[in-house]
Amino acid sequence: MLIQSNLWLAAQELASIQMKYAESGRTLSEAALCGAKAFVEWQHYPANDLVDEVSGYEFYYHAHSADEMPNGEHGHFHVIKRNAKGFHHLIGIALNQKGLPTRLFTTNQWVTGEEMADSTMVVKSIQGFEMVTKGRMALVTKWIGALIQLFAKEIEGLILERDQKIARLVAQQGNRELVLNSKEHHVLTECKIDLMERISDHLLVVNS
């Protein structure tokens, strides 16, 4: 019951944030640019990433060149966890032109330059995600936290599947470092999501 209650709270938070952006005539993808007047390919928004020094969590928003972006995608968040040894990538969250999330994905090691952590550690980081920021990006931070909670099952599944795919590629090629640095493998796992449908499902369950 506690888990269901937490999911309802996450759904309610996401619905509230989406409503605030809709009422202001802005989208989440616009808010993610942190006030920048231009959206430049590959550039991070905010410029030095948004970092919670206490928890070690951080994220940034960016877009690849047009020929590398899926049709209709505006950009995506990379969510990261830092520790004394470096950082590991947790999940990518892609947004469409309306500022709605359309897919979740994991990346290969070379994409972000992370120290590839095993799925157990990454899942633990996802489960413990708690990031506090102030200023214009505070609402975006809350949105990411609530989304991670609402889609935790999908995210954890992608992380486990990522490790399985890496293991298969290593078995085929015989060298883990070659696999982790292979430009042939960018996105390792991904899945489509429907935020409004998920919000509706959880709010209706509690209210029915």
C-alpha atoms as a PDB file:
ATOM      1  CA  MET A   1       0.000   0.000   0.000  1.00  0.00           C
ATOM      2  CA  LEU A   2       2.902   2.323   0.804  1.00  0.00           C
ATOM      3  CA  ILE A   3       4.396   1.758  -2.659  1.00  0.00           C
ATOM      4  CA  GLN A   4       1.034   2.506  -4.292  1.00  0.00           C
ATOM      5  CA  SER A   5       0.722   5.661  -2.176  1.00  0.00           C
ATOM      6  CA  ASN A   6       4.202   6.816  -3.225  1.00  0.00           C
ATOM      7  CA  LEU A   7       3.340   6.259  -6.880  1.00  0.00           C
ATOM      8  CA  TRP A   8       0.141   8.256  -6.449  1.00  0.00           C
ATOM      9  CA  LEU A   9       2.135  11.128  -4.899  1.00  0.00           C
ATOM     10  CA  ALA A  10       4.633  10.993  -7.774  1.00  0.00           C
ATOM     11  CA  ALA A  11       1.792  11.016 -10.308  1.00  0.00           C
ATOM     12  CA  GLN A  12       0.163  13.939  -8.524  1.00  0.00           C
ATOM     13  CA  GLU A  13       3.444  15.883  -8.470  1.00  0.00           C
ATOM     14  CA  LEU A  14       4.031  15.306 -12.173  1.00  0.00           C
ATOM     15  CA  ALA A  15       0.466  16.320 -13.023  1.00  0.00           C
ATOM     16  CA  SER A  16       0.859  19.501 -10.967  1.00  0.00           C
ATOM     17  CA  ILE A  17       4.167  20.438 -12.602  1.00  0.00           C
ATOM     18  CA  GLN A  18       2.874  19.767 -16.111  1.00  0.00           C
ATOM     19  CA  MET A  19      -0.147  21.958 -15.311  1.00  0.00           C
ATOM     20  CA  LYS A  20       2.068  24.795 -14.079  1.00  0.00           C
ATOM     21  CA  TYR A  21       4.070  24.776 -17.282  1.00  0.00           C
ATOM     22  CA  ALA A  22       0.913  24.598 -19.398  1.00  0.00           C
ATOM     23  CA  GLU A  23      -0.593  27.573 -17.550  1.00  0.00           C
ATOM     24  CA  SER A  24       2.577  29.606 -18.040  1.00  0.00           C
ATOM     25  CA  GLY A  25       2.631  28.847 -21.768  1.00  0.00           C
ATOM     26  CA  ARG A  26       5.995  27.108 -21.473  1.00  0.00           C
ATOM     27  CA  THR A  27       7.076  23.517 -21.967  1.00  0.00           C
ATOM     28  CA  LEU A  28       9.406  21.429 -19.852  1.00  0.00           C
ATOM     29  CA  SER A  29      11.865  21.281 -22.745  1.00  0.00           C
ATOM     30  CA  GLU A  30      11.992  25.096 -22.755  1.00  0.00           C
ATOM     31  CA  ALA A  31      12.482  25.187 -18.992  1.00  0.00           C
ATOM     32  CA  ALA A  32      15.315  22.655 -19.306  1.00  0.00           C
ATOM     33  CA  LEU A  33      17.326  25.203 -21.298  1.00  0.00           C
ATOM     34  CA  CYS A  34      17.761  27.178 -18.071  1.00  0.00           C
ATOM     35  CA  GLY A  35      17.024  30.547 -19.630  1.00  0.00           C
ATOM     36  CA  ALA A  36      19.278  30.158 -22.677  1.00  0.00           C
ATOM     37  CA  LYS A  37      18.110  32.097 -25.737  1.00  0.00           C
ATOM     38  CA  ALA A  38      19.435  29.505 -28.204  1.00  0.00           C
ATOM     39  CA  PHE A  39      19.452  25.707 -28.162  1.00  0.00           C
ATOM     40  CA  VAL A  40      22.858  24.647 -29.486  1.00  0.00           C
ATOM     41  CA  GLU A  41      23.543  21.043 -30.490  1.00  0.00           C
ATOM     42  CA  TRP A  42      25.648  19.058 -27.992  1.00  0.00           C
ATOM     43  CA  GLN A  43      25.863  21.936 -25.510  1.00  0.00           C
ATOM     44  CA  HIS A  44      24.897  21.124 -21.924  1.00  0.00           C
ATOM     45  CA  TYR A  45      22.034  22.958 -20.206  1.00  0.00           C
ATOM     46  CA  PRO A  46      22.811  24.320 -17.720  1.00  0.00           C
ATOM     47  CA  ALA A  47      26.375  24.883 -18.936  1.00  0.00           C
ATOM     48  CA  ASN A  48      28.087  23.143 -16.013  1.00  0.00           C
ATOM     49  CA  ASP A  49      25.248  20.661 -15.388  1.00  0.00           C
ATOM     50  CA  LEU A  50      22.882  20.884 -12.441  1.00  0.00           C
ATOM     51  CA  VAL A  51      24.570  19.324  -9.413  1.00  0.00           C
ATOM     52  CA  ASP A  52      23.426  18.495  -5.893  1.00  0.00           C
ATOM     53  CA  GLU A  53      26.727  18.542  -4.006  1.00  0.00           C
ATOM     54  CA  VAL A  54      25.175  16.815  -0.987  1.00  0.00           C
ATOM     55  CA  SER A  55      23.700  13.763  -2.704  1.00  0.00           C
ATOM     56  CA  GLY A  56      26.032  13.550  -5.700  1.00  0.00           C
ATOM     57  CA  TYR A  57      23.161  13.416  -8.176  1.00  0.00           C
ATOM     58  CA  GLU A  58      23.184  15.634 -11.238  1.00  0.00           C
ATOM     59  CA  PHE A  59      21.636  16.028 -14.650  1.00  0.00           C
ATOM     60  CA  TYR A  60      21.909  18.027 -17.835  1.00  0.00           C
ATOM     61  CA  TYR A  61      19.809  18.504 -20.932  1.00  0.00           C
ATOM     62  CA  HIS A  62      21.086  18.512 -24.499  1.00  0.00           C
ATOM     63  CA  ALA A  63      20.452  17.428 -28.064  1.00  0.00           C
ATOM     64  CA  HIS A  64      22.549  15.707 -30.693  1.00  0.00           C
ATOM     65  CA  SER A  65      22.862  16.852 -34.292  1.00  0.00           C
ATOM     66  CA  ALA A  66      19.594  16.701 -36.216  1.00  0.00           C
ATOM     67  CA  ASP A  67      20.587  13.605 -38.208  1.00  0.00           C
ATOM     68  CA  GLU A  68      21.193  11.674 -34.963  1.00  0.00           C
ATOM     69  CA  MET A  69      17.953  12.630 -33.221  1.00  0.00           C
ATOM     70  CA  PRO A  70      14.852  10.421 -33.394  1.00  0.00           C
ATOM     71  CA  ASN A  71      11.993  12.005 -35.300  1.00  0.00           C
ATOM     72  CA  GLY A  72      10.050  14.485 -33.161  1.00  0.00           C
ATOM     73  CA  GLU A  73      12.547  14.510 -30.292  1.00  0.00           C
ATOM     74  CA  HIS A  74      13.558  17.888 -28.886  1.00  0.00           C
ATOM     75  CA  GLY A  75      16.369  16.737 -26.582  1.00  0.00           C
ATOM     76  CA  HIS A  76      17.059  14.555 -23.575  1.00  0.00           C
ATOM     77  CA  PHE A  77      18.213  14.558 -19.976  1.00  0.00           C
ATOM     78  CA  HIS A  78      21.168  12.521 -18.788  1.00  0.00           C
ATOM     79  CA  VAL A  79      20.807  11.697 -15.091  1.00  0.00           C
ATOM     80  CA  ILE A  80      24.044  10.897 -13.259  1.00  0.00           C
ATOM     81  CA  LYS A  81      25.346   9.844  -9.832  1.00  0.00           C
ATOM     82  CA  ARG A  82      28.808  10.936  -8.708  1.00  0.00           C
ATOM     83  CA  ASN A  83      31.033   9.442  -6.019  1.00  0.00           C
ATOM     84  CA  ALA A  84      34.685   9.696  -4.991  1.00  0.00           C
ATOM     85  CA  LYS A  85      35.791   7.491  -7.904  1.00  0.00           C
ATOM     86  CA  GLY A  86      33.924   9.291 -10.680  1.00  0.00           C
ATOM     87  CA  PHE A  87      30.347   8.976 -11.933  1.00  0.00           C
ATOM     88  CA  HIS A  88      27.935   6.538 -13.464  1.00  0.00           C
ATOM     89  CA  HIS A  89      25.024   7.224 -15.804  1.00  0.00           C
ATOM     90  CA  LEU A  90      21.613   6.282 -14.448  1.00  0.00           C
ATOM     91  CA  ILE A  91      19.070   6.936 -17.190  1.00  0.00           C
ATOM     92  CA  GLY A  92      18.342   9.083 -20.224  1.00  0.00           C
ATOM     93  CA  ILE A  93      14.941  10.789 -20.525  1.00  0.00           C
ATOM     94  CA  ALA A  94      13.940  12.009 -23.987  1.00  0.00           C
ATOM     95  CA  LEU A  95      11.403  14.809 -24.517  1.00  0.00           C
ATOM     96  CA  ASN A  96       9.359  15.675 -27.577  1.00  0.00           C
ATOM     97  CA  GLN A  97       8.704  19.163 -28.915  1.00  0.00           C
ATOM     98  CA  LYS A  98       5.779  19.553 -26.487  1.00  0.00           C
ATOM     99  CA  GLY A  99       8.042  18.874 -23.501  1.00  0.00           C
ATOM    100  CA  LEU A 100       6.576  15.448 -22.763  1.00  0.00           C
ATOM    101  CA  PRO A 101       8.811  12.412 -22.113  1.00  0.00           C
ATOM    102  CA  THR A 102       8.630   9.838 -24.886  1.00  0.00           C
ATOM    103  CA  ARG A 103      11.314   7.290 -24.069  1.00  0.00           C
ATOM    104  CA  LEU A 104      13.820   6.145 -21.458  1.00  0.00           C
ATOM    105  CA  PHE A 105      17.217   4.786 -22.420  1.00  0.00           C
ATOM    106  CA  THR A 106      20.619   3.609 -21.205  1.00  0.00           C
ATOM    107  CA  THR A 107      23.899   4.397 -22.906  1.00  0.00           C
ATOM    108  CA  ASN A 108      27.239   2.758 -23.524  1.00  0.00           C
ATOM    109  CA  GLN A 109      30.244   3.835 -21.455  1.00  0.00           C
ATOM    110  CA  TRP A 110      31.896   6.019 -24.132  1.00  0.00           C
ATOM    111  CA  VAL A 111      28.782   8.159 -24.591  1.00  0.00           C
ATOM    112  CA  THR A 112      29.117  10.025 -21.281  1.00  0.00           C
ATOM    113  CA  GLY A 113      32.621   8.943 -20.264  1.00  0.00           C
ATOM    114  CA  GLU A 114      31.291   7.268 -17.137  1.00  0.00           C
ATOM    115  CA  GLU A 115      32.857   4.523 -15.079  1.00  0.00           C
ATOM    116  CA  MET A 116      30.438   1.762 -16.056  1.00  0.00           C
ATOM    117  CA  ALA A 117      28.929   0.443 -12.824  1.00  0.00           C
ATOM    118  CA  ASP A 118      27.123  -2.879 -12.619  1.00  0.00           C
ATOM    119  CA  SER A 119      23.342  -2.933 -12.601  1.00  0.00           C
ATOM    120  CA  THR A 120      23.137  -3.581  -8.844  1.00  0.00           C
ATOM    121  CA  MET A 121      24.868  -0.298  -8.057  1.00  0.00           C
ATOM    122  CA  VAL A 122      22.943   1.671 -10.689  1.00  0.00           C
ATOM    123  CA  VAL A 123      19.577   0.332  -9.516  1.00  0.00           C
ATOM    124  CA  LYS A 124      20.519   1.217  -5.941  1.00  0.00           C
ATOM    125  CA  SER A 125      21.332   4.754  -7.091  1.00  0.00           C
ATOM    126  CA  ILE A 126      17.980   4.991  -8.875  1.00  0.00           C
ATOM    127  CA  GLN A 127      16.109   3.779  -5.796  1.00  0.00           C
ATOM    128  CA  GLY A 128      17.898   6.349  -3.643  1.00  0.00           C
ATOM    129  CA  PHE A 129      17.464   9.252  -6.042  1.00  0.00           C
ATOM    130  CA  GLU A 130      16.945  12.454  -4.111  1.00  0.00           C
ATOM    131  CA  MET A 131      18.107  15.734  -5.568  1.00  0.00           C
ATOM    132  CA  VAL A 132      17.500  19.211  -4.179  1.00  0.00           C
ATOM    133  CA  THR A 133      18.209  22.361  -6.167  1.00  0.00           C
ATOM    134  CA  LYS A 134      17.108  25.985  -5.974  1.00  0.00           C
ATOM    135  CA  GLY A 135      16.268  28.662  -8.484  1.00  0.00           C
ATOM    136  CA  ARG A 136      14.741  28.361 -11.932  1.00  0.00           C
ATOM    137  CA  MET A 137      15.610  24.651 -12.268  1.00  0.00           C
ATOM    138  CA  ALA A 138      14.046  23.546  -8.974  1.00  0.00           C
ATOM    139  CA  LEU A 139      10.775  22.538 -10.642  1.00  0.00           C
ATOM    140  CA  VAL A 140      12.614  20.600 -13.357  1.00  0.00           C
ATOM    141  CA  THR A 141      14.518  18.746 -10.626  1.00  0.00           C
ATOM    142  CA  LYS A 142      11.268  17.803  -8.882  1.00  0.00           C
ATOM    143  CA  TRP A 143       9.846  16.636 -12.213  1.00  0.00           C
ATOM    144  CA  ILE A 144      12.814  14.336 -12.843  1.00  0.00           C
ATOM    145  CA  GLY A 145      12.622  12.881  -9.331  1.00  0.00           C
ATOM    146  CA  ALA A 146       8.901  12.171  -9.658  1.00  0.00           C
ATOM    147  CA  LEU A 147       9.313  10.680 -13.134  1.00  0.00           C
ATOM    148  CA  ILE A 148      12.067   8.337 -11.918  1.00  0.00           C
ATOM    149  CA  GLN A 149       9.774   7.194  -9.127  1.00  0.00           C
ATOM    150  CA  LEU A 150       6.743   6.714 -11.370  1.00  0.00           C
ATOM    151  CA  PHE A 151       8.702   4.739 -13.978  1.00  0.00           C
ATOM    152  CA  ALA A 152      11.083   2.965 -11.590  1.00  0.00           C
ATOM    153  CA  LYS A 153      10.066  -0.501 -12.802  1.00  0.00           C
ATOM    154  CA  GLU A 154      10.825   0.359 -16.436  1.00  0.00           C
ATOM    155  CA  ILE A 155      14.089   2.088 -15.549  1.00  0.00           C
ATOM    156  CA  GLU A 156      15.351  -0.804 -13.445  1.00  0.00           C
ATOM    157  CA  GLY A 157      14.387  -3.222 -16.210  1.00  0.00           C
ATOM    158  CA  LEU A 158      16.372  -1.224 -18.767  1.00  0.00           C
ATOM    159  CA  ILE A 159      19.425  -1.181 -16.492  1.00  0.00           C
ATOM    160  CA  LEU A 160      19.314  -4.958 -15.982  1.00  0.00           C
ATOM    161  CA  GLU A 161      18.784  -5.498 -19.706  1.00  0.00           C
ATOM    162  CA  ARG A 162      21.752  -3.182 -20.396  1.00  0.00           C
ATOM    163  CA  ASP A 163      24.111  -5.427 -18.442  1.00  0.00           C
ATOM    164  CA  GLN A 164      22.730  -8.509 -20.181  1.00  0.00           C
ATOM    165  CA  LYS A 165      23.332  -6.922 -23.565  1.00  0.00           C
ATOM    166  CA  ILE A 166      26.885  -5.957 -22.611  1.00  0.00           C
ATOM    167  CA  ALA A 167      27.515  -9.541 -21.463  1.00  0.00           C
ATOM    168  CA  ARG A 168      26.248 -10.912 -24.803  1.00  0.00           C
ATOM    169  CA  LEU A 169      28.435  -8.496 -26.772  1.00  0.00           C
ATOM    170  CA  VAL A 170      31.488  -9.360 -24.681  1.00  0.00           C
ATOM    171  CA  ALA A 171      30.845 -13.065 -25.263  1.00  0.00           C
ATOM    172  CA  GLN A 172      30.722 -12.390 -29.005  1.00  0.00           C
ATOM    173  CA  GLN A 173      33.713 -10.058 -29.210  1.00  0.00           C
ATOM    174  CA  GLY A 174      35.816 -11.344 -26.322  1.00  0.00           C
ATOM    175  CA  ASN A 175      36.873  -7.939 -24.972  1.00  0.00           C
ATOM    176  CA  ARG A 176      34.832  -5.853 -22.529  1.00  0.00           C
ATOM    177  CA  GLU A 177      36.750  -2.607 -23.136  1.00  0.00           C
ATOM    178  CA  LEU A 178      36.209  -2.874 -26.884  1.00  0.00           C
ATOM    179  CA  VAL A 179      32.476  -3.310 -26.312  1.00  0.00           C
ATOM    180  CA  LEU A 180      32.198  -0.392 -23.864  1.00  0.00           C
ATOM    181  CA  ASN A 181      34.033   1.897 -26.275  1.00  0.00           C
ATOM    182  CA  SER A 182      32.446   0.670 -29.510  1.00  0.00           C
ATOM    183  CA  LYS A 183      30.856   3.502 -31.507  1.00  0.00           C
ATOM    184  CA  GLU A 184      28.567   0.882 -33.042  1.00  0.00           C
ATOM    185  CA  HIS A 185      26.736   0.690 -29.736  1.00  0.00           C
ATOM    186  CA  HIS A 186      25.377   4.008 -28.486  1.00  0.00           C
ATOM    187  CA  VAL A 187      21.986   3.414 -26.875  1.00  0.00           C
ATOM    188  CA  LEU A 188      22.048  -0.046 -25.308  1.00  0.00           C
ATOM    189  CA  THR A 189      18.439  -0.330 -24.139  1.00  0.00           C
ATOM    190  CA  GLU A 190      15.348   1.842 -24.453  1.00  0.00           C
ATOM    191  CA  CYS A 191      11.592   1.849 -24.113  1.00  0.00           C
ATOM    192  CA  LYS A 192       8.764   4.192 -25.020  1.00  0.00           C
ATOM    193  CA  ILE A 193       6.680   5.754 -22.255  1.00  0.00           C
ATOM    194  CA  ASP A 194       3.382   7.636 -22.048  1.00  0.00           C
ATOM    195  CA  LEU A 195       3.434  10.043 -19.105  1.00  0.00           C
ATOM    196  CA  MET A 196      -0.154  11.229 -19.275  1.00  0.00           C
ATOM    197  CA  GLU A 197      -1.466   7.674 -19.447  1.00  0.00           C
ATOM    198  CA  ARG A 198       0.650   6.630 -16.455  1.00  0.00           C
ATOM    199  CA  ILE A 199      -0.461   9.655 -14.427  1.00  0.00           C
ATOM    200  CA  SER A 200      -4.086   8.940 -15.256  1.00  0.00           C
ATOM    201  CA  ASP A 201      -3.753   5.261 -14.324  1.00  0.00           C
ATOM    202  CA  HIS A 202      -2.360   5.973 -10.859  1.00  0.00           C
ATOM    203  CA  LEU A 203      -4.670   8.855 -10.006  1.00  0.00           C
ATOM    204  CA  LEU A 204      -7.720   6.860 -11.116  1.00  0.00           C
ATOM    205  CA  VAL A 205      -6.669   3.805  -9.071  1.00  0.00           C
ATOM    206  CA  VAL A 206      -6.624   5.797  -5.845  1.00  0.00           C
ATOM    207  CA  ASN A 207      -9.799   7.744  -6.619  1.00  0.00           C
ATOM    208  CA  SER A 208     -11.844   4.744  -7.746  1.00  0.00           C
END
